[in-house]
């Protein structure tokens, strides 16, 4: 038997969800759908560790109103709750409650803990997926990590793109040529960010990634800029320089900008705005496999040693997304035991680090512990696809 020890707050919801949700909302249906991906892929059973478990019990007659709501929310997503951990003395902590449940259920072959708080116990090493309560709760990266823990490391063929900038046709053709099969569970598409701007197929790019099942989507600096614009409605000069106008034209049509005030009226388009925001809020800062770490620009400054980048705050990652790899790469391995894969800076400049490489060559660059993918798609009308195999 495989078990998912499940917290609610910060896993199946987030601060951002609760601020936007209707009053009384408890769980984010998007997070529940991601949880179902884990259950479907592993056949694991759900055991509640959340403080909300006091409202729920295996004995249906013991439910209170909140417990019935929780059961209903899970059932609506095709999920069932199996059990809950015992409520022990506060000094035991959540770790102690999990340990007590495991001691009472010796038939557990494997388990994973989903929680937004750090849990400190040796028996949890390698079985813990920490989520972000502020950002999004459970995300695609957490799904892949949990499945890997429950099923054991699985080798997959990973297809990597970056900086497609609204060029859907070029990206699709490149993926097809590389042999990517969206329906193959052993194929995983990793995008290193910058989905929109500059090209004219931004809607098609969004639809493609929305419908894709086996994916990990990283955030690029263009997502940061576009999110700020959608939240504030304030057009800045860099939006014109960076091609954001093309994105807005694709999604909202012409004549949406008041150039006397440089503001945008999204009235009547709120569903489109919400859809774009939801997509970009799902993106993650980095993705890690057994031998690779994927980012948009670079690792956060000041957080590169001893894996500190894993716990860097969102504001620090936002700055890292703007770093050009050519400004940090010194021909030494960025990460001692893994290879860093990034985009953001086109490979025009890779010849500086490879004397045998022709100037202007935008093919994938392979350095010492570094692979760079960005083909400068807007200028070259090319999309690079890196294909590697690794345990995820």
Protein backbone atom coordinates (compact mmCIF):
# COMPACT_ATOMS: atom_id res chain seq x y z
CA UNK A 1 0.00 0.00 0.00
CA UNK A 2 1.23 3.46 -0.94
CA UNK A 3 0.22 6.47 1.13
CA UNK A 4 0.01 10.22 0.55
CA UNK A 5 0.13 12.07 3.88
CA UNK A 6 -1.77 15.22 3.00
CA UNK A 7 -1.87 18.71 4.44
CA UNK A 8 -4.49 21.16 3.09
CA UNK A 9 -3.44 24.75 3.72
CA UNK A 10 -0.52 25.66 1.47
CA UNK A 11 -0.89 22.41 -0.49
CA UNK A 12 -4.46 22.28 -1.80
CA UNK A 13 -4.85 26.03 -1.52
CA UNK A 14 -2.57 29.07 -1.33
CA UNK A 15 -2.63 32.64 -0.11
CA UNK A 16 -3.23 33.81 -3.67
CA UNK A 17 -6.14 31.40 -4.18
CA UNK A 18 -7.79 32.36 -0.90
CA UNK A 19 -7.54 36.08 -1.70
CA UNK A 20 -9.31 35.56 -5.04
CA UNK A 21 -11.75 32.82 -4.06
CA UNK A 22 -15.30 33.25 -2.87
CA UNK A 23 -15.85 33.55 0.86
CA UNK A 24 -15.89 30.15 2.51
CA UNK A 25 -13.75 28.45 -0.13
CA UNK A 26 -11.43 25.82 1.35
CA UNK A 27 -9.71 23.93 -1.45
CA UNK A 28 -8.54 24.92 -4.91
CA UNK A 29 -10.01 22.58 -7.59
CA UNK A 30 -6.84 23.05 -9.65
CA UNK A 31 -4.74 21.65 -6.78
CA UNK A 32 -7.16 18.73 -6.34
CA UNK A 33 -6.77 17.91 -10.04
CA UNK A 34 -2.98 17.80 -9.58
CA UNK A 35 -3.39 15.56 -6.54
CA UNK A 36 -5.50 13.23 -8.67
CA UNK A 37 -2.61 12.98 -11.14
CA UNK A 38 -0.46 11.60 -8.33
CA UNK A 39 -3.16 9.15 -7.22
CA UNK A 40 -3.83 7.97 -10.78
CA UNK A 41 -0.12 7.44 -11.46
CA UNK A 42 0.63 5.62 -8.20
CA UNK A 43 -2.67 4.15 -6.90
CA UNK A 44 -1.77 5.68 -3.53
CA UNK A 45 -4.30 6.22 -0.75
CA UNK A 46 -4.78 9.57 0.99
CA UNK A 47 -4.27 9.96 4.73
CA UNK A 48 -5.03 13.39 6.19
CA UNK A 49 -2.46 15.16 8.36
CA UNK A 50 -4.08 18.57 8.08
CA UNK A 51 -5.64 20.24 11.10
CA UNK A 52 -8.89 20.12 9.08
CA UNK A 53 -8.98 16.38 9.73
CA UNK A 54 -10.81 16.95 12.99
CA UNK A 55 -13.93 17.51 10.84
CA UNK A 56 -13.55 14.19 8.98
CA UNK A 57 -13.61 10.54 10.03
CA UNK A 58 -13.70 7.11 8.39
CA UNK A 59 -17.02 6.69 10.15
CA UNK A 60 -19.33 8.70 7.88
CA UNK A 61 -21.76 9.31 10.71
CA UNK A 62 -19.08 11.27 12.55
CA UNK A 63 -18.79 13.98 9.85
CA UNK A 64 -19.76 17.51 10.75
CA UNK A 65 -20.84 20.01 8.09
CA UNK A 66 -17.25 20.91 7.18
CA UNK A 67 -16.34 17.23 6.97
CA UNK A 68 -19.18 16.63 4.52
CA UNK A 69 -17.97 19.56 2.42
CA UNK A 70 -14.42 18.17 2.36
CA UNK A 71 -15.67 14.74 1.34
CA UNK A 72 -17.80 16.28 -1.39
CA UNK A 73 -14.92 18.37 -2.79
CA UNK A 74 -12.71 15.31 -3.05
CA UNK A 75 -15.49 13.15 -4.53
CA UNK A 76 -16.22 15.79 -7.19
CA UNK A 77 -12.62 15.34 -8.39
CA UNK A 78 -12.79 11.55 -8.34
CA UNK A 79 -10.79 11.28 -5.12
CA UNK A 80 -11.48 9.36 -1.91
CA UNK A 81 -10.02 9.83 1.55
CA UNK A 82 -8.67 6.69 3.21
CA UNK A 83 -7.79 7.70 6.77
CA UNK A 84 -6.31 10.37 9.00
CA UNK A 85 -3.39 10.49 11.40
CA UNK A 86 -4.13 10.48 15.14
CA UNK A 87 -4.32 13.79 16.97
CA UNK A 88 -1.58 13.57 19.60
CA UNK A 89 -0.01 15.89 22.11
CA UNK A 90 1.26 19.08 20.48
CA UNK A 91 4.84 18.20 21.47
CA UNK A 92 4.70 15.19 19.13
CA UNK A 93 4.28 17.41 16.12
CA UNK A 94 2.98 16.33 12.74
CA UNK A 95 6.05 14.11 12.34
CA UNK A 96 5.09 12.14 15.45
CA UNK A 97 1.51 11.74 14.27
CA UNK A 98 2.69 10.38 10.92
CA UNK A 99 5.07 7.99 12.68
CA UNK A 100 2.26 6.78 14.97
CA UNK A 101 0.00 6.06 11.98
CA UNK A 102 2.80 4.19 10.18
CA UNK A 103 3.46 2.09 13.30
CA UNK A 104 -0.21 1.06 13.30
CA UNK A 105 -0.16 0.22 9.57
CA UNK A 106 2.87 -1.98 8.85
CA UNK A 107 1.62 -2.90 5.35
CA UNK A 108 2.72 0.48 3.92
CA UNK A 109 5.30 -0.16 1.21
CA UNK A 110 5.98 3.49 0.36
CA UNK A 111 4.73 6.95 1.28
CA UNK A 112 5.14 10.65 0.53
CA UNK A 113 4.33 13.70 2.67
CA UNK A 114 2.84 16.81 1.03
CA UNK A 115 3.14 19.84 3.29
CA UNK A 116 4.04 23.53 3.11
CA UNK A 117 5.90 23.43 6.44
CA UNK A 118 9.29 21.84 7.02
CA UNK A 119 8.97 18.55 8.87
CA UNK A 120 12.12 17.39 10.62
CA UNK A 121 12.49 13.64 11.11
CA UNK A 122 14.97 11.13 9.75
CA UNK A 123 12.25 8.72 8.60
CA UNK A 124 10.93 11.44 6.26
CA UNK A 125 14.21 11.86 4.36
CA UNK A 126 13.57 11.49 0.65
CA UNK A 127 9.82 11.24 1.17
CA UNK A 128 8.87 14.87 1.59
CA UNK A 129 7.52 17.33 -1.01
CA UNK A 130 7.45 20.91 0.28
CA UNK A 131 4.96 23.23 -1.36
CA UNK A 132 4.70 27.01 -1.33
CA UNK A 133 1.76 28.42 0.59
CA UNK A 134 2.34 31.91 -0.79
CA UNK A 135 2.83 31.08 -4.45
CA UNK A 136 0.57 28.26 -5.55
CA UNK A 137 0.52 25.21 -3.28
CA UNK A 138 0.95 21.89 -5.06
CA UNK A 139 2.30 22.39 -8.59
CA UNK A 140 3.45 20.33 -11.58
CA UNK A 141 6.95 19.99 -10.17
CA UNK A 142 5.56 18.65 -6.90
CA UNK A 143 3.41 16.16 -8.82
CA UNK A 144 6.42 14.75 -10.67
CA UNK A 145 8.45 14.65 -7.46
CA UNK A 146 5.69 12.83 -5.53
CA UNK A 147 5.16 10.28 -8.30
CA UNK A 148 8.91 9.64 -8.38
CA UNK A 149 8.99 9.04 -4.63
CA UNK A 150 5.99 6.71 -4.60
CA UNK A 151 6.83 4.71 -7.72
CA UNK A 152 10.59 4.86 -7.39
CA UNK A 153 12.76 6.86 -9.75
CA UNK A 154 11.57 6.42 -13.33
CA UNK A 155 13.74 7.16 -16.34
CA UNK A 156 11.98 9.39 -18.84
CA UNK A 157 12.87 11.00 -22.13
CA UNK A 158 12.88 14.73 -21.43
CA UNK A 159 12.28 17.25 -24.23
CA UNK A 160 13.42 20.79 -23.36
CA UNK A 161 12.44 24.04 -25.09
CA UNK A 162 12.89 27.64 -24.03
CA UNK A 163 11.99 31.17 -25.11
CA UNK A 164 9.49 30.21 -27.82
CA UNK A 165 8.01 33.72 -27.55
CA UNK A 166 4.66 33.14 -29.23
CA UNK A 167 5.99 30.99 -32.08
CA UNK A 168 3.72 27.97 -31.80
CA UNK A 169 4.22 26.54 -35.30
CA UNK A 170 8.02 26.61 -35.04
CA UNK A 171 7.90 24.99 -31.62
CA UNK A 172 5.44 22.28 -32.69
CA UNK A 173 7.46 21.43 -35.79
CA UNK A 174 10.67 21.20 -33.75
CA UNK A 175 9.04 18.95 -31.15
CA UNK A 176 7.57 16.69 -33.82
CA UNK A 177 10.98 16.42 -35.50
CA UNK A 178 12.56 15.53 -32.13
CA UNK A 179 10.02 12.73 -31.67
CA UNK A 180 7.97 14.18 -28.82
CA UNK A 181 4.72 12.28 -28.19
CA UNK A 182 2.33 14.21 -25.95
CA UNK A 183 0.41 11.03 -25.12
CA UNK A 184 3.46 9.02 -24.07
CA UNK A 185 3.73 8.97 -20.24
CA UNK A 186 7.48 8.30 -20.60
CA UNK A 187 7.93 11.60 -22.45
CA UNK A 188 8.16 14.78 -20.38
CA UNK A 189 8.20 18.29 -21.85
CA UNK A 190 10.12 20.87 -19.84
CA UNK A 191 9.88 24.51 -20.91
CA UNK A 192 12.38 26.95 -19.44
CA UNK A 193 10.00 29.88 -19.74
CA UNK A 194 9.19 32.94 -21.90
CA UNK A 195 6.10 31.55 -23.64
CA UNK A 196 4.70 34.82 -24.97
CA UNK A 197 5.64 38.17 -26.59
CA UNK A 198 7.25 38.97 -29.95
CA UNK A 199 5.50 36.24 -31.94
CA UNK A 200 1.92 36.22 -33.20
CA UNK A 201 0.75 32.76 -32.04
CA UNK A 202 0.51 33.45 -28.34
CA UNK A 203 -3.02 32.04 -27.98
CA UNK A 204 -1.94 28.82 -29.68
CA UNK A 205 1.07 28.54 -27.36
CA UNK A 206 -1.20 28.89 -24.33
CA UNK A 207 -3.67 26.27 -25.60
CA UNK A 208 -0.86 23.80 -26.32
CA UNK A 209 0.66 24.00 -22.87
CA UNK A 210 -2.72 24.08 -21.11
CA UNK A 211 -3.74 20.79 -22.75
CA UNK A 212 -0.41 19.07 -22.24
CA UNK A 213 -0.46 16.42 -19.52
CA UNK A 214 3.19 15.45 -19.06
CA UNK A 215 4.91 18.79 -18.54
CA UNK A 216 6.93 21.01 -16.23
CA UNK A 217 6.63 24.72 -16.97
CA UNK A 218 9.22 27.14 -15.62
CA UNK A 219 8.67 30.87 -15.30
CA UNK A 220 10.62 33.31 -17.44
CA UNK A 221 11.19 37.02 -16.97
CA UNK A 222 8.53 37.74 -19.61
CA UNK A 223 5.95 35.98 -17.44
CA UNK A 224 6.94 38.25 -14.55
CA UNK A 225 6.43 41.33 -16.73
CA UNK A 226 3.15 40.14 -18.23
CA UNK A 227 1.71 39.17 -14.85
CA UNK A 228 2.45 42.63 -13.48
CA UNK A 229 0.74 44.19 -16.49
CA UNK A 230 -2.35 42.02 -16.12
CA UNK A 231 -2.62 42.80 -12.42
CA UNK A 232 -2.10 46.57 -12.75
CA UNK A 233 -3.34 47.42 -16.26
CA UNK A 234 -0.41 49.82 -16.53
CA UNK A 235 1.54 49.79 -19.81
CA UNK A 236 5.28 50.50 -19.49
CA UNK A 237 7.85 51.34 -22.16
CA UNK A 238 9.51 47.92 -21.84
CA UNK A 239 6.23 46.25 -22.84
CA UNK A 240 6.58 47.89 -26.25
CA UNK A 241 10.28 47.02 -26.54
CA UNK A 242 9.83 43.39 -25.45
CA UNK A 243 6.93 42.58 -27.74
CA UNK A 244 4.16 42.41 -25.17
CA UNK A 245 1.93 44.44 -27.48
CA UNK A 246 1.79 41.45 -29.86
CA UNK A 247 0.62 39.25 -27.00
CA UNK A 248 -2.11 41.68 -26.01
CA UNK A 249 -3.22 42.00 -29.64
CA UNK A 250 -3.55 38.21 -29.86
CA UNK A 251 -5.61 37.88 -26.69
CA UNK A 252 -7.63 41.10 -26.59
CA UNK A 253 -7.68 42.51 -30.13
CA UNK A 254 -6.91 46.11 -31.11
CA UNK A 255 -7.88 49.38 -29.46
CA UNK A 256 -7.59 48.22 -25.87
CA UNK A 257 -4.89 50.72 -24.81
CA UNK A 258 -5.53 54.30 -23.74
CA UNK A 259 -2.27 55.86 -24.86
CA UNK A 260 -3.05 59.14 -23.13
CA UNK A 261 -2.71 57.39 -19.77
CA UNK A 262 -0.86 54.23 -20.87
CA UNK A 263 -3.53 52.11 -19.22
CA UNK A 264 -5.44 49.08 -20.45
CA UNK A 265 -9.15 48.48 -20.01
CA UNK A 266 -9.71 44.76 -19.43
CA UNK A 267 -13.46 45.13 -18.84
CA UNK A 268 -15.34 42.41 -20.67
CA UNK A 269 -12.14 40.38 -20.90
CA UNK A 270 -11.79 39.28 -17.29
CA UNK A 271 -12.15 35.58 -18.11
CA UNK A 272 -9.23 35.82 -20.54
CA UNK A 273 -7.16 37.73 -18.00
CA UNK A 274 -7.93 35.13 -15.34
CA UNK A 275 -6.99 32.32 -17.72
CA UNK A 276 -3.62 33.91 -18.56
CA UNK A 277 -2.87 34.64 -14.91
CA UNK A 278 -3.77 31.10 -13.85
CA UNK A 279 -1.45 29.64 -16.48
CA UNK A 280 1.50 31.81 -15.50
CA UNK A 281 0.94 31.40 -11.76
CA UNK A 282 1.33 27.65 -12.30
CA UNK A 283 4.90 28.06 -13.54
CA UNK A 284 7.79 27.18 -11.22
CA UNK A 285 11.21 28.65 -10.46
CA UNK A 286 13.22 25.53 -11.22
CA UNK A 287 12.90 21.81 -11.91
CA UNK A 288 15.32 19.16 -10.74
CA UNK A 289 15.91 15.59 -11.87
CA UNK A 290 18.58 13.09 -10.86
CA UNK A 291 21.30 14.74 -12.94
CA UNK A 292 19.91 18.07 -14.19
CA UNK A 293 18.57 21.36 -12.87
CA UNK A 294 16.42 23.46 -15.20
CA UNK A 295 16.04 27.24 -14.79
CA UNK A 296 15.19 30.20 -17.00
CA UNK A 297 18.14 32.53 -16.62
CA UNK A 298 20.54 31.39 -13.89
CA UNK A 299 20.75 30.34 -10.26
CA UNK A 300 19.99 33.09 -7.73
CA UNK A 301 23.01 35.20 -6.78
CA UNK A 302 24.20 34.42 -3.28
CA UNK A 303 22.31 31.11 -3.15
CA UNK A 304 24.46 28.89 -5.33
CA UNK A 305 26.36 27.02 -2.60
CA UNK A 306 25.16 23.80 -0.98
CA UNK A 307 21.87 23.82 -2.89
CA UNK A 308 20.66 27.00 -1.15
CA UNK A 309 18.92 27.99 -4.39
CA UNK A 310 16.23 25.41 -3.66
CA UNK A 311 14.94 27.57 -0.80
CA UNK A 312 15.55 31.03 -2.32
CA UNK A 313 12.54 33.38 -1.95
CA UNK A 314 10.38 34.30 -4.93
CA UNK A 315 11.81 37.83 -5.18
CA UNK A 316 15.33 36.40 -5.51
CA UNK A 317 14.25 33.97 -8.21
CA UNK A 318 12.61 36.85 -10.09
CA UNK A 319 16.01 38.55 -10.27
CA UNK A 320 17.71 35.29 -11.28
CA UNK A 321 15.36 35.00 -14.25
CA UNK A 322 16.89 38.18 -15.67
CA UNK A 323 20.50 37.00 -15.40
CA UNK A 324 22.22 36.15 -18.68
CA UNK A 325 24.19 32.93 -18.52
CA UNK A 326 27.03 34.63 -20.39
CA UNK A 327 27.48 36.95 -17.39
CA UNK A 328 27.91 34.12 -14.85
CA UNK A 329 29.39 31.15 -16.65
CA UNK A 330 33.13 30.85 -15.99
CA UNK A 331 33.67 27.45 -17.65
CA UNK A 332 33.45 25.87 -14.19
CA UNK A 333 30.47 23.74 -13.24
CA UNK A 334 27.65 25.97 -11.88
CA UNK A 335 26.44 23.02 -9.75
CA UNK A 336 29.09 20.52 -8.64
CA UNK A 337 27.10 17.32 -9.12
CA UNK A 338 24.48 18.24 -11.73
CA UNK A 339 24.18 19.95 -15.11
CA UNK A 340 22.39 23.30 -15.28
CA UNK A 341 20.02 23.76 -18.25
CA UNK A 342 18.83 27.29 -19.06
CA UNK A 343 17.52 29.67 -21.71
CA UNK A 344 16.95 33.44 -21.65
CA UNK A 345 20.15 34.37 -23.50
CA UNK A 346 20.35 33.33 -27.18
CA UNK A 347 23.23 31.07 -28.15
CA UNK A 348 24.62 33.66 -30.56
CA UNK A 349 27.20 34.35 -27.87
CA UNK A 350 28.27 30.78 -27.13
CA UNK A 351 31.26 31.11 -29.48
CA UNK A 352 32.98 33.18 -26.75
CA UNK A 353 33.24 29.98 -24.72
CA UNK A 354 33.97 27.60 -27.62
CA UNK A 355 36.73 28.68 -29.99
CA UNK A 356 35.67 26.02 -32.50
CA UNK A 357 32.11 27.35 -32.70
CA UNK A 358 31.19 29.75 -35.50
CA UNK A 359 29.89 33.17 -34.53
CA UNK A 360 26.14 33.35 -34.84
CA UNK A 361 25.65 29.61 -34.34
CA UNK A 362 22.51 29.19 -32.21
CA UNK A 363 22.63 25.41 -31.85
CA UNK A 364 22.39 24.01 -28.32
CA UNK A 365 25.56 24.87 -26.39
CA UNK A 366 27.17 22.21 -24.23
CA UNK A 367 29.57 23.66 -21.66
CA UNK A 368 31.12 22.27 -18.49
CA UNK A 369 28.08 21.38 -16.41
CA UNK A 370 25.95 23.76 -18.49
CA UNK A 371 23.55 23.36 -21.43
CA UNK A 372 21.92 26.43 -23.00
CA UNK A 373 18.87 26.07 -25.24
CA UNK A 374 17.66 29.50 -26.43
CA UNK A 375 17.85 29.70 -30.25
CA UNK A 376 16.89 33.39 -30.43
CA UNK A 377 13.62 32.28 -32.02
CA UNK A 378 12.25 35.74 -32.85
CA UNK A 379 15.31 36.56 -34.98
CA UNK A 380 16.27 33.10 -36.30
CA UNK A 381 12.84 31.50 -36.66
CA UNK A 382 14.27 28.39 -35.04
CA UNK A 383 13.41 26.49 -31.86
CA UNK A 384 15.99 24.22 -30.26
CA UNK A 385 14.80 21.00 -28.60
CA UNK A 386 17.18 19.37 -26.13
CA UNK A 387 16.47 15.65 -25.71
CA UNK A 388 17.93 13.85 -22.69
CA UNK A 389 17.06 10.80 -20.61
CA UNK A 390 17.12 10.97 -16.83
CA UNK A 391 15.42 9.71 -13.70
CA UNK A 392 12.64 11.98 -12.49
